[in-house]
Protein backbone atom coordinates (compact mmCIF):
# COMPACT_ATOMS: atom_id res chain seq x y z
CA MET A 1 -14.04 16.25 -77.92
CA ALA A 2 -10.31 16.15 -78.97
CA ASP A 3 -8.87 18.07 -76.17
CA ARG A 4 -10.88 16.45 -73.40
CA LYS A 5 -8.98 14.58 -70.70
CA PHE A 6 -9.89 11.71 -68.49
CA TYR A 7 -8.10 12.03 -65.14
CA ILE A 8 -7.98 8.91 -62.62
CA ILE A 9 -7.12 9.60 -59.45
CA CYS A 10 -6.08 6.35 -57.55
CA GLY A 11 -4.08 5.68 -54.11
CA HIS A 12 -4.02 4.07 -50.85
CA TYR A 13 -6.91 4.20 -48.43
CA GLY A 14 -6.78 7.69 -46.88
CA CYS A 15 -4.13 9.55 -48.98
CA GLY A 16 -6.61 12.09 -49.95
CA LYS A 17 -7.81 11.33 -52.71
CA SER A 18 -11.22 12.70 -52.73
CA ASN A 19 -9.69 16.30 -51.33
CA TYR A 20 -7.45 16.43 -53.91
CA SER A 21 -9.94 15.27 -56.60
CA ILE A 22 -12.23 18.19 -55.16
CA ASN A 23 -9.43 20.93 -55.84
CA PHE A 24 -8.35 19.56 -58.95
CA ALA A 25 -12.04 19.64 -60.37
CA LEU A 26 -12.27 22.87 -59.17
CA ASP A 27 -9.20 24.64 -60.84
CA LEU A 28 -9.93 22.67 -64.04
CA ALA A 29 -13.22 24.66 -63.90
CA LYS A 30 -11.17 28.20 -63.22
CA GLN A 31 -9.39 27.64 -66.31
CA GLY A 32 -12.92 27.69 -68.39
CA ARG A 33 -12.68 23.78 -68.57
CA LYS A 34 -16.20 21.96 -68.51
CA VAL A 35 -15.93 19.76 -65.96
CA ILE A 36 -17.33 16.22 -64.48
CA LEU A 37 -16.27 15.12 -61.19
CA MET A 38 -17.16 11.39 -61.26
CA ASP A 39 -17.41 9.58 -57.68
CA LEU A 40 -15.68 6.03 -57.97
CA ASP A 41 -15.34 5.05 -54.21
CA LEU A 42 -17.74 1.88 -53.68
CA VAL A 43 -15.54 1.24 -50.53
CA ASN A 44 -15.72 3.85 -48.19
CA PRO A 45 -18.78 5.63 -47.93
CA TYR A 46 -17.36 8.13 -45.30
CA PHE A 47 -15.01 10.16 -47.67
CA LEU A 48 -17.12 10.51 -50.88
CA SER A 49 -16.45 13.28 -52.89
CA SER A 50 -19.74 13.87 -53.80
CA GLY A 51 -20.85 14.77 -50.53
CA TYR A 52 -19.51 17.74 -51.85
CA LYS A 53 -22.14 18.09 -54.46
CA ASP A 54 -23.97 21.33 -53.94
CA MET A 55 -20.60 22.92 -53.98
CA LEU A 56 -19.44 21.94 -56.89
CA GLU A 57 -22.20 21.98 -59.25
CA GLU A 58 -22.37 25.96 -58.28
CA LYS A 59 -19.20 26.06 -59.63
CA GLY A 60 -20.42 24.61 -63.01
CA ILE A 61 -18.90 21.25 -62.23
CA GLN A 62 -21.28 18.01 -62.66
CA VAL A 63 -21.13 15.51 -60.45
CA ILE A 64 -21.86 11.90 -60.88
CA ALA A 65 -21.67 9.61 -57.70
CA PRO A 66 -23.02 5.91 -57.18
CA MET A 67 -26.46 5.03 -56.62
CA PHE A 68 -26.97 5.45 -52.68
CA ALA A 69 -24.09 7.38 -51.90
CA ASN A 70 -23.97 9.18 -48.39
CA THR A 71 -27.37 7.10 -47.31
CA ASN A 72 -27.87 4.09 -44.99
CA VAL A 73 -27.36 1.80 -47.97
CA GLU A 74 -24.45 -0.41 -47.31
CA THR A 75 -23.77 -1.04 -51.00
CA PRO A 76 -23.54 1.68 -53.27
CA ALA A 77 -23.92 0.99 -56.97
CA LEU A 78 -22.51 2.45 -60.23
CA PRO A 79 -24.86 4.86 -61.87
CA ALA A 80 -26.01 4.77 -65.31
CA GLU A 81 -24.60 7.49 -65.97
CA MET A 82 -21.06 6.44 -66.15
CA ASN A 83 -21.40 5.06 -69.45
CA LEU A 84 -22.19 8.92 -70.88
CA VAL A 85 -18.70 10.26 -69.86
CA PHE A 86 -16.79 8.46 -72.81
CA GLU A 87 -19.05 10.46 -75.11
CA THR A 88 -19.11 14.05 -73.17
CA ASP A 89 -17.34 16.95 -74.27
CA ARG A 90 -16.10 17.51 -70.68
CA ASP A 91 -12.67 16.75 -68.60
CA VAL A 92 -13.60 13.68 -66.32
CA VAL A 93 -12.19 13.31 -63.14
CA MET A 94 -12.62 9.92 -61.75
CA ASP A 95 -12.21 9.66 -57.92
CA VAL A 96 -11.34 6.27 -57.33
CA GLY A 97 -11.89 3.92 -54.10
CA GLY A 98 -8.58 2.96 -52.37
CA ASP A 99 -6.07 0.29 -53.13
CA ASP A 100 -6.97 -2.38 -55.44
CA ALA A 101 -10.49 -3.26 -54.05
CA GLY A 102 -11.45 0.16 -55.07
CA SER A 103 -9.78 0.42 -58.20
CA VAL A 104 -11.63 -2.69 -59.79
CA VAL A 105 -14.36 -0.81 -60.72
CA LEU A 106 -11.80 0.64 -63.23
CA GLY A 107 -11.29 -2.75 -65.24
CA ARG A 108 -14.91 -2.96 -66.44
CA TYR A 109 -14.51 -0.09 -68.54
CA HIS A 110 -10.89 -0.71 -69.44
CA GLU A 111 -11.80 -0.80 -73.38
CA GLN A 112 -13.40 2.57 -73.36
CA LEU A 113 -10.26 4.03 -71.14
CA ALA A 114 -7.78 2.78 -73.83
CA ALA A 115 -9.67 4.56 -76.41
CA VAL A 116 -9.50 8.11 -74.54
CA ASN A 117 -6.71 10.64 -73.67
CA TYR A 118 -6.68 9.42 -69.75
CA GLU A 119 -3.80 10.38 -67.27
CA MET A 120 -3.61 8.35 -63.75
CA ILE A 121 -2.07 10.06 -61.11
CA TYR A 122 -1.02 8.29 -58.36
CA LEU A 123 -1.72 10.09 -54.83
CA ILE A 124 0.73 8.91 -52.00
CA ASN A 125 1.07 9.50 -48.20
CA HIS A 126 4.13 8.82 -46.36
CA TYR A 127 1.78 8.87 -43.40
CA ARG A 128 -0.48 6.70 -43.85
CA ASN A 129 0.04 3.02 -42.96
CA LEU A 130 1.35 0.10 -45.83
CA THR A 131 2.73 3.44 -47.51
CA ALA A 132 5.66 4.34 -45.26
CA THR A 133 8.57 3.57 -47.48
CA PRO A 134 8.76 3.88 -50.92
CA GLU A 135 9.38 0.38 -51.66
CA GLU A 136 5.34 -0.25 -50.08
CA THR A 137 3.93 2.57 -51.88
CA ALA A 138 5.26 1.34 -55.29
CA GLN A 139 3.91 -2.15 -54.56
CA VAL A 140 0.57 -0.53 -53.49
CA LEU A 141 0.43 0.87 -57.15
CA LYS A 142 1.54 -2.38 -58.85
CA GLU A 143 -1.98 -3.54 -57.16
CA ILE A 144 -3.95 -0.73 -58.44
CA GLU A 145 -2.51 -1.28 -61.99
CA GLU A 146 -3.43 -5.12 -62.00
CA ALA A 147 -6.83 -4.78 -60.83
CA SER A 148 -7.76 -1.67 -62.79
CA ARG A 149 -5.92 -2.51 -66.22
CA CYS A 150 -4.51 0.90 -66.41
CA ARG A 151 -1.20 2.36 -65.77
CA ALA A 152 -0.21 5.43 -63.93
CA SER A 153 1.21 8.25 -65.72
CA ALA A 154 2.34 10.37 -62.91
CA VAL A 155 2.84 10.65 -58.95
CA VAL A 156 1.15 13.74 -56.55
CA ALA A 157 2.65 13.71 -53.00
CA ASN A 158 -0.40 14.42 -50.25
CA SER A 159 1.52 13.66 -47.66
CA HIS A 160 -0.33 15.27 -44.50
CA LEU A 161 -1.51 14.58 -40.95
CA LYS A 162 -4.94 16.18 -41.11
CA LYS A 163 -5.10 19.38 -38.89
CA GLU A 164 -1.91 18.79 -37.29
CA THR A 165 0.25 19.21 -40.60
CA THR A 166 2.63 21.55 -40.40
CA TRP A 167 5.58 23.11 -42.81
CA GLU A 168 7.78 20.34 -41.37
CA THR A 169 5.30 17.52 -42.16
CA VAL A 170 5.35 18.52 -45.85
CA LYS A 171 9.06 19.14 -46.12
CA ASN A 172 10.10 15.96 -44.15
CA ALA A 173 8.41 13.82 -46.50
CA LEU A 174 9.73 15.02 -49.83
CA PRO A 175 12.59 12.76 -50.00
CA TYR A 176 10.09 9.65 -49.79
CA ALA A 177 8.16 11.35 -52.74
CA LYS A 178 10.99 11.80 -54.80
CA GLU A 179 12.57 8.22 -54.04
CA THR A 180 8.99 6.47 -54.68
CA ALA A 181 8.69 8.34 -58.33
CA LYS A 182 12.20 7.37 -59.18
CA ILE A 183 11.31 3.80 -58.14
CA LEU A 184 8.40 3.81 -60.38
CA ASP A 185 9.97 5.76 -63.07
CA LEU A 186 7.30 7.86 -63.27
CA PRO A 187 7.37 12.00 -63.30
CA LEU A 188 6.48 13.80 -59.73
CA LYS A 189 3.67 15.78 -60.78
CA ALA A 190 2.95 18.21 -57.63
CA VAL A 191 3.44 18.38 -53.94
CA THR A 192 0.38 19.08 -52.63
CA ILE A 193 0.57 21.78 -49.57
CA PRO A 194 -2.58 23.08 -47.64
CA LYS A 195 -3.31 26.28 -49.05
CA ASP A 196 -3.37 28.32 -45.33
CA LEU A 197 0.28 26.80 -44.89
CA ALA A 198 1.31 28.04 -48.47
CA GLU A 199 0.12 31.35 -47.79
CA ASP A 200 2.42 32.11 -44.71
CA GLU A 201 5.13 34.38 -45.58
CA LYS A 202 7.66 32.29 -43.70
CA THR A 203 6.82 28.79 -45.27
CA LYS A 204 7.11 30.81 -49.07
CA THR A 205 10.50 31.13 -48.27
CA GLU A 206 10.88 27.45 -47.35
CA MET A 207 9.13 26.23 -50.39
CA ALA A 208 10.96 28.17 -52.89
CA LYS A 209 13.88 26.44 -51.88
CA GLU A 210 12.76 23.00 -53.09
CA ASP A 211 12.61 21.97 -56.68
CA VAL A 212 9.13 20.42 -56.49
CA ASN A 213 6.20 22.05 -58.19
CA TRP A 214 4.01 22.85 -55.44
CA TYR A 215 0.13 22.41 -55.46
CA PRO A 216 -1.83 24.70 -52.64
CA VAL A 217 -5.12 22.90 -51.93
CA GLU A 218 -8.35 23.55 -49.80
CA ILE A 219 -9.32 21.24 -47.11
CA TYR A 220 -13.14 20.28 -47.80
CA VAL A 221 -13.18 16.46 -46.99
CA LYS A 222 -13.69 16.26 -43.35
CA ALA A 223 -14.55 12.82 -41.35
CA PRO A 224 -17.85 13.50 -39.88
CA TRP A 225 -16.82 13.11 -36.40
CA GLU A 226 -14.23 16.45 -37.00
């Protein structure tokens, strides 16, 4: 258990936390790590990472989801297994609900989290309302930290326009990401880019010119109407 880690994925509503959490959990599993993906989004029932449970479990990833997630019950509840993750020998990826409202759930586990080696990753998206500027984005994190009683340790830029995302979409958001990390005095851990874009030869050449750690992601999470 000494080397297991907790990864808390937080951010503004719609920034792409669930899709990032799925990619991150899958990548940990590919490295030979034993992984639990915890879906802690009790706020938005439409983008739950647990909706991809079968695919994740086929890859050896245990999924813990809110009770009644992806059903017609309006108020999901935390599962009893939540307490057990603090005794597991697996890495734990926590997909937290948006903003301070979604992060409040972490507050009740403040003491357990304080006793483990956790990393709280703040996911940011330049193209979401209320996080269009570095200053706005920094304020959202302050509210998340106060509600969760946890402290962010890194920023990951996940600026996208869903299916309309192009290389220019990602590139034009880089100054925003760097300035946000600077204001927060946190490292810019990575910049995501859709995997199909990252595999384009012309885009690869452009990516090589930027001094950031690129993280290609598959697009798993889609709205019900997509």
